[in-house]
Protein backbone atom coordinates (compact mmCIF):
# COMPACT_ATOMS: atom_id res chain seq x y z
CA ALA A 1 -25.03 -31.14 29.91
CA ASN A 2 -27.82 -32.89 31.48
CA ALA A 3 -27.45 -34.72 34.57
CA SER A 4 -26.09 -38.00 32.97
CA GLY A 5 -23.34 -36.04 31.34
CA ASN A 6 -23.83 -37.68 27.92
CA GLN A 7 -25.81 -34.98 26.03
CA LEU A 8 -24.27 -31.50 25.32
CA THR A 9 -27.00 -29.02 25.11
CA GLY A 10 -26.92 -25.36 24.15
CA THR A 11 -25.59 -23.72 21.14
CA VAL A 12 -22.08 -22.66 22.79
CA VAL A 13 -21.09 -25.05 25.66
CA GLU A 14 -17.71 -25.47 27.45
CA LEU A 15 -16.46 -28.96 28.44
CA ARG A 16 -16.39 -29.42 32.25
CA THR A 17 -13.82 -31.52 34.17
CA ALA A 18 -16.62 -33.72 35.48
CA GLN A 19 -17.36 -34.85 31.92
CA ALA A 20 -13.72 -36.10 31.37
CA GLY A 21 -13.77 -39.75 30.40
CA MET A 22 -17.29 -39.57 28.93
CA ILE A 23 -18.75 -40.19 25.67
CA LEU A 24 -20.65 -36.74 24.84
CA LEU A 25 -23.18 -36.36 22.07
CA ALA A 26 -23.54 -32.80 20.51
CA ASP A 27 -27.24 -32.35 19.94
CA SER A 28 -28.97 -30.56 17.08
CA ASN A 29 -28.56 -27.09 18.75
CA SER A 30 -24.85 -27.41 19.43
CA THR A 31 -22.69 -25.17 17.32
CA THR A 32 -19.61 -24.66 19.45
CA ILE A 33 -17.73 -26.74 22.08
CA GLY A 34 -15.09 -25.18 24.11
CA LEU A 35 -12.03 -26.87 25.67
CA PRO A 36 -12.23 -26.90 29.43
CA ASP A 37 -10.59 -24.49 31.83
CA PRO A 38 -6.90 -25.34 31.67
CA GLY A 39 -6.59 -24.36 35.28
CA ALA A 40 -8.82 -27.19 36.31
CA THR A 41 -7.53 -29.76 33.73
CA HIS A 42 -4.99 -32.58 34.02
CA ILE A 43 -2.64 -34.14 31.66
CA GLY A 44 -4.42 -37.18 30.28
CA ASP A 45 -7.95 -35.89 30.77
CA THR A 46 -9.98 -37.29 27.67
CA TYR A 47 -13.37 -36.27 26.09
CA VAL A 48 -15.03 -38.15 23.16
CA ILE A 49 -17.59 -36.01 21.31
CA ILE A 50 -19.87 -37.50 18.65
CA ASN A 51 -21.56 -34.85 16.28
CA THR A 52 -25.13 -35.67 15.78
CA THR A 53 -26.17 -32.16 14.76
CA GLY A 54 -26.46 -32.60 11.00
CA GLY A 55 -23.97 -29.66 10.73
CA ASN A 56 -20.44 -28.83 11.68
CA VAL A 57 -19.50 -28.17 15.24
CA THR A 58 -16.62 -25.93 15.99
CA ILE A 59 -14.18 -27.17 18.60
CA ASP A 60 -13.16 -23.77 20.28
CA ARG A 61 -9.79 -23.32 21.85
CA THR A 62 -10.12 -19.64 22.91
CA GLY A 63 -11.70 -20.03 26.31
CA LEU A 64 -14.03 -17.18 25.52
CA GLY A 65 -17.39 -19.11 24.94
CA GLY A 66 -19.42 -21.36 26.90
CA THR A 67 -22.24 -21.52 29.38
CA GLY A 68 -21.68 -21.30 33.18
CA ALA A 69 -20.82 -18.73 35.68
CA PRO A 70 -18.93 -16.95 34.48
CA PRO A 71 -19.31 -17.78 30.76
CA GLY A 72 -16.00 -18.98 29.32
CA HIS A 73 -12.80 -19.31 31.28
CA GLY A 74 -10.88 -16.87 29.10
CA ALA A 75 -7.63 -18.97 28.76
CA PRO A 76 -6.56 -19.97 25.29
CA CYS A 77 -5.37 -23.45 24.78
CA THR A 78 -3.36 -24.97 21.95
CA LEU A 79 -5.11 -27.45 19.87
CA ASN A 80 -3.31 -29.90 17.44
CA GLY A 81 -0.23 -27.76 17.81
CA GLY A 82 -1.71 -24.61 16.59
CA THR A 83 -3.92 -21.69 17.40
CA ALA A 84 -6.88 -22.44 15.09
CA ASN A 85 -10.24 -23.80 16.30
CA GLY A 86 -11.10 -27.24 14.95
CA THR A 87 -14.23 -28.35 12.90
CA LEU A 88 -16.06 -31.60 13.69
CA PRO A 89 -18.15 -32.55 10.71
CA SER A 90 -21.68 -34.12 11.12
CA ASN A 91 -21.71 -37.76 12.01
CA GLU A 92 -18.05 -37.74 12.85
CA ALA A 93 -16.41 -38.18 16.29
CA VAL A 94 -13.28 -36.63 18.02
CA THR A 95 -11.18 -37.83 20.98
CA LEU A 96 -9.78 -34.68 22.78
CA ILE A 97 -6.77 -35.47 24.99
CA CYS A 98 -4.91 -33.06 27.15
CA THR A 99 -1.26 -33.65 26.47
CA GLY A 100 0.69 -31.08 28.30
CA SER A 101 1.19 -27.50 29.60
CA SER A 102 2.82 -24.50 27.97
CA GLY A 103 2.60 -22.37 31.14
CA GLY A 104 -0.99 -21.08 30.31
CA GLY A 105 -2.44 -23.65 32.86
CA PRO A 106 -1.81 -27.24 34.06
CA GLY A 107 -3.53 -28.58 31.02
CA ASP A 108 -3.50 -26.10 28.06
CA ILE A 109 -2.21 -28.41 25.16
CA TRP A 110 -4.75 -30.48 23.50
CA HIS A 111 -4.81 -32.96 20.72
CA GLY A 112 -7.85 -33.99 18.76
CA ILE A 113 -7.77 -37.54 17.33
CA GLY A 114 -10.38 -37.16 14.39
CA LEU A 115 -9.98 -33.32 13.74
């Protein structure tokens, strides 16, 4: 994300804890947005993502994608009670909320309102 934290840039990005509570815009290059590292996430952390890409954006729960050093945190999370990624259609929004822990990290259970 850029310095304001509002625009997500890159084809594959991983949410960062510093972005919690922000409204984030997926730009025209975004194809996949990964859930943040559950080891650094707290129950109640919330992200609002608006898809402005003109296509679908994958909300990735695997922990394997993303930019950063190192790329991806490698810790899978649960999304909406399951092990499947979510799809955010163009011009739609999702509110992602960390709701608990299953032992894979302090915050590895997520619900997406709007997915």
